[in-house]
């Protein structure tokens, strides 16, 4: 009772095509496909950058010049 049959989906598809039209649905599909393609290329680019950084030897981060604070840690005896 809770599932939709193929006929229900066909009626929904016909209603959507009647409301939006085939041209607008085609444009939405092309935009969505382009977005997915761009995302995949971006992920490949990010992986390539990470691999290049590992191959370069990952230099340690540079220290920021500034003041050094000397301190001594002592443990007080409990009385």
N, C-alpha and C. Protein backbone atom coordinates (compact mmCIF):
# COMPACT_ATOMS: atom_id res chain seq x y z
N UNK A 1 0.81 -1.19 0.00
CA UNK A 1 0.00 0.00 0.00
C UNK A 1 0.86 1.27 0.00
N UNK A 2 2.02 1.25 0.66
CA UNK A 2 2.83 2.44 0.79
C UNK A 2 3.71 2.75 -0.41
N UNK A 3 3.90 1.79 -1.32
CA UNK A 3 4.79 2.00 -2.45
C UNK A 3 4.05 2.59 -3.64
N UNK A 4 4.81 3.24 -4.50
CA UNK A 4 4.24 3.80 -5.72
C UNK A 4 4.56 2.88 -6.88
N UNK A 5 3.58 2.63 -7.72
CA UNK A 5 3.79 1.76 -8.87
C UNK A 5 4.37 2.59 -10.02
N UNK A 6 4.71 1.91 -11.11
CA UNK A 6 5.26 2.59 -12.27
C UNK A 6 4.27 3.58 -12.86
N UNK A 7 2.98 3.27 -12.75
CA UNK A 7 1.96 4.16 -13.30
C UNK A 7 1.90 5.48 -12.52
N UNK A 8 2.08 5.40 -11.22
CA UNK A 8 2.11 6.63 -10.42
C UNK A 8 3.29 7.52 -10.85
N UNK A 9 4.45 6.89 -11.05
CA UNK A 9 5.63 7.66 -11.44
C UNK A 9 5.46 8.26 -12.84
N UNK A 10 4.82 7.54 -13.75
CA UNK A 10 4.57 8.08 -15.09
C UNK A 10 3.64 9.29 -15.04
N UNK A 11 2.63 9.22 -14.19
CA UNK A 11 1.72 10.36 -14.05
C UNK A 11 2.45 11.55 -13.47
N UNK A 12 3.29 11.33 -12.48
CA UNK A 12 4.09 12.42 -11.89
C UNK A 12 5.01 13.02 -12.95
N UNK A 13 5.66 12.19 -13.76
CA UNK A 13 6.54 12.68 -14.81
C UNK A 13 5.79 13.52 -15.83
N UNK A 14 4.59 13.08 -16.24
CA UNK A 14 3.79 13.85 -17.19
C UNK A 14 3.40 15.20 -16.60
N UNK A 15 3.01 15.23 -15.34
CA UNK A 15 2.61 16.49 -14.70
C UNK A 15 3.81 17.44 -14.62
N UNK A 16 4.99 16.92 -14.27
CA UNK A 16 6.18 17.77 -14.18
C UNK A 16 6.54 18.33 -15.55
N UNK A 17 6.46 17.51 -16.60
CA UNK A 17 6.75 17.99 -17.95
C UNK A 17 5.74 19.04 -18.38
N UNK A 18 4.48 18.85 -18.04
CA UNK A 18 3.46 19.85 -18.39
C UNK A 18 3.68 21.17 -17.67
N UNK A 19 4.13 21.10 -16.41
CA UNK A 19 4.32 22.33 -15.63
C UNK A 19 5.57 23.08 -16.09
N UNK A 20 6.70 22.38 -16.20
CA UNK A 20 7.96 23.05 -16.47
C UNK A 20 8.32 23.10 -17.95
N UNK A 21 7.88 22.16 -18.73
CA UNK A 21 8.25 22.11 -20.14
C UNK A 21 9.58 21.38 -20.32
N UNK A 22 9.74 20.81 -21.50
CA UNK A 22 10.93 20.00 -21.75
C UNK A 22 12.20 20.84 -21.84
N UNK A 23 12.10 22.07 -22.38
CA UNK A 23 13.29 22.91 -22.53
C UNK A 23 13.88 23.28 -21.16
N UNK A 24 13.02 23.67 -20.25
CA UNK A 24 13.51 24.05 -18.92
C UNK A 24 14.07 22.83 -18.18
N UNK A 25 13.42 21.67 -18.31
CA UNK A 25 13.94 20.47 -17.67
C UNK A 25 15.28 20.07 -18.26
N UNK A 26 15.45 20.23 -19.58
CA UNK A 26 16.74 19.91 -20.21
C UNK A 26 17.83 20.84 -19.69
N UNK A 27 17.51 22.13 -19.54
CA UNK A 27 18.49 23.09 -19.03
C UNK A 27 18.87 22.77 -17.58
N UNK A 28 17.90 22.36 -16.79
CA UNK A 28 18.18 22.00 -15.40
C UNK A 28 19.09 20.77 -15.37
N UNK A 29 18.82 19.81 -16.22
CA UNK A 29 19.65 18.61 -16.29
C UNK A 29 21.07 18.92 -16.71
N UNK A 30 21.23 19.83 -17.69
CA UNK A 30 22.58 20.20 -18.13
C UNK A 30 23.32 20.95 -17.04
N UNK A 31 22.63 21.84 -16.34
CA UNK A 31 23.27 22.57 -15.24
C UNK A 31 23.71 21.63 -14.12
N UNK A 32 22.85 20.68 -13.80
CA UNK A 32 23.19 19.72 -12.75
C UNK A 32 24.36 18.84 -13.16
N UNK A 33 24.36 18.40 -14.42
CA UNK A 33 25.47 17.58 -14.92
C UNK A 33 26.78 18.36 -14.92
N UNK A 34 26.74 19.63 -15.31
CA UNK A 34 27.94 20.47 -15.29
C UNK A 34 28.46 20.67 -13.88
N UNK A 35 27.55 20.83 -12.93
CA UNK A 35 27.97 21.01 -11.54
C UNK A 35 28.66 19.75 -11.01
N UNK A 36 28.10 18.59 -11.33
CA UNK A 36 28.69 17.33 -10.87
C UNK A 36 30.07 17.14 -11.52
N UNK A 37 30.18 17.46 -12.80
CA UNK A 37 31.46 17.32 -13.51
C UNK A 37 32.50 18.26 -12.90
N UNK A 38 32.11 19.50 -12.61
CA UNK A 38 33.03 20.45 -11.99
C UNK A 38 33.47 19.99 -10.61
N UNK A 39 32.54 19.41 -9.85
CA UNK A 39 32.88 18.91 -8.52
C UNK A 39 33.90 17.78 -8.61
N UNK A 40 33.69 16.86 -9.55
CA UNK A 40 34.62 15.75 -9.71
C UNK A 40 36.01 16.25 -10.11
N UNK A 41 36.07 17.22 -11.03
CA UNK A 41 37.36 17.78 -11.45
C UNK A 41 38.04 18.48 -10.28
N UNK A 42 37.26 19.17 -9.46
CA UNK A 42 37.81 19.83 -8.29
C UNK A 42 38.39 18.85 -7.30
N UNK A 43 37.72 17.73 -7.12
CA UNK A 43 38.22 16.71 -6.20
C UNK A 43 39.50 16.09 -6.74
N UNK A 44 39.57 15.85 -8.03
CA UNK A 44 40.79 15.31 -8.62
C UNK A 44 41.93 16.31 -8.49
N UNK A 45 41.63 17.60 -8.67
CA UNK A 45 42.64 18.64 -8.52
C UNK A 45 43.16 18.72 -7.11
N UNK A 46 42.27 18.59 -6.13
CA UNK A 46 42.68 18.64 -4.73
C UNK A 46 43.56 17.44 -4.39
N UNK A 47 43.22 16.27 -4.92
CA UNK A 47 44.04 15.08 -4.67
C UNK A 47 45.40 15.24 -5.32
N UNK A 48 45.45 15.85 -6.51
CA UNK A 48 46.71 16.06 -7.20
C UNK A 48 47.61 17.02 -6.44
N UNK A 49 47.02 18.06 -5.85
CA UNK A 49 47.80 19.02 -5.06
C UNK A 49 48.36 18.36 -3.81
N UNK A 50 47.55 17.50 -3.18
CA UNK A 50 48.02 16.81 -1.98
C UNK A 50 49.16 15.85 -2.32
N UNK A 51 49.04 15.15 -3.45
CA UNK A 51 50.11 14.24 -3.87
C UNK A 51 51.38 15.02 -4.20
N UNK A 52 51.24 16.18 -4.83
CA UNK A 52 52.41 16.99 -5.17
C UNK A 52 53.10 17.50 -3.91
N UNK A 53 52.32 17.87 -2.89
CA UNK A 53 52.90 18.34 -1.63
C UNK A 53 53.66 17.22 -0.93
N UNK A 54 53.13 16.00 -0.98
CA UNK A 54 53.82 14.87 -0.37
C UNK A 54 55.10 14.55 -1.11
N UNK A 55 55.07 14.66 -2.42
CA UNK A 55 56.25 14.37 -3.23
C UNK A 55 57.33 15.44 -3.00
N UNK A 56 56.93 16.66 -2.69
CA UNK A 56 57.89 17.75 -2.49
C UNK A 56 58.61 17.62 -1.15
N UNK A 57 58.14 16.81 -0.26
CA UNK A 57 58.83 16.58 1.00
C UNK A 57 58.23 17.32 2.17
N UNK A 58 57.15 18.05 1.97
CA UNK A 58 56.47 18.75 3.05
C UNK A 58 57.44 19.38 4.04
N UNK A 59 57.93 20.53 3.73
CA UNK A 59 58.83 21.24 4.63
C UNK A 59 58.07 21.63 5.89
N UNK A 60 58.73 21.61 7.04
CA UNK A 60 58.04 22.00 8.27
C UNK A 60 57.66 23.47 8.21
N UNK A 61 56.63 23.86 8.91
CA UNK A 61 56.22 25.26 8.88
C UNK A 61 57.30 26.16 9.48
N UNK A 62 57.41 27.34 8.92
CA UNK A 62 58.41 28.30 9.39
C UNK A 62 57.99 28.85 10.75
N UNK A 63 58.98 29.11 11.61
CA UNK A 63 58.68 29.67 12.91
C UNK A 63 58.49 31.17 12.77
N UNK A 64 57.59 31.67 13.57
CA UNK A 64 57.32 33.10 13.55
C UNK A 64 58.25 33.76 14.56
N UNK A 65 59.04 34.75 14.13
CA UNK A 65 59.94 35.41 15.08
C UNK A 65 59.14 36.18 16.13
N UNK A 66 59.68 36.21 17.32
CA UNK A 66 59.00 36.91 18.40
C UNK A 66 59.76 36.71 19.70
N UNK A 67 59.11 36.99 20.79
CA UNK A 67 59.75 36.84 22.09
C UNK A 67 59.57 35.43 22.61
N UNK A 68 60.58 34.95 23.30
CA UNK A 68 60.52 33.65 23.94
C UNK A 68 60.35 33.86 25.43
N UNK A 69 59.45 33.14 26.01
CA UNK A 69 59.20 33.26 27.45
C UNK A 69 59.82 32.05 28.12
N UNK A 70 60.80 32.31 29.01
CA UNK A 70 61.40 31.23 29.78
C UNK A 70 60.58 31.04 31.05
N UNK A 71 60.37 29.81 31.39
CA UNK A 71 59.62 29.51 32.61
C UNK A 71 60.16 28.22 33.20
N UNK A 72 59.89 28.04 34.46
CA UNK A 72 60.34 26.85 35.15
C UNK A 72 59.11 26.26 35.84
N UNK A 73 58.97 24.96 35.71
CA UNK A 73 57.84 24.30 36.33
C UNK A 73 58.34 23.59 37.57
N UNK A 74 57.72 23.90 38.71
CA UNK A 74 58.09 23.24 39.96
C UNK A 74 56.84 22.64 40.57
N UNK A 75 57.07 21.53 41.19
CA UNK A 75 55.97 20.89 41.90
C UNK A 75 56.17 21.17 43.39
N UNK A 76 55.20 21.86 43.97
CA UNK A 76 55.29 22.17 45.40
C UNK A 76 54.96 20.93 46.21
N UNK A 77 55.68 20.81 47.33
CA UNK A 77 55.42 19.68 48.23
C UNK A 77 54.15 19.95 49.03
N UNK A 78 53.31 18.97 49.10
CA UNK A 78 52.08 19.10 49.88
C UNK A 78 52.43 18.97 51.36
N UNK A 79 51.87 19.83 52.15
CA UNK A 79 52.14 19.84 53.59
C UNK A 79 51.20 18.98 54.33
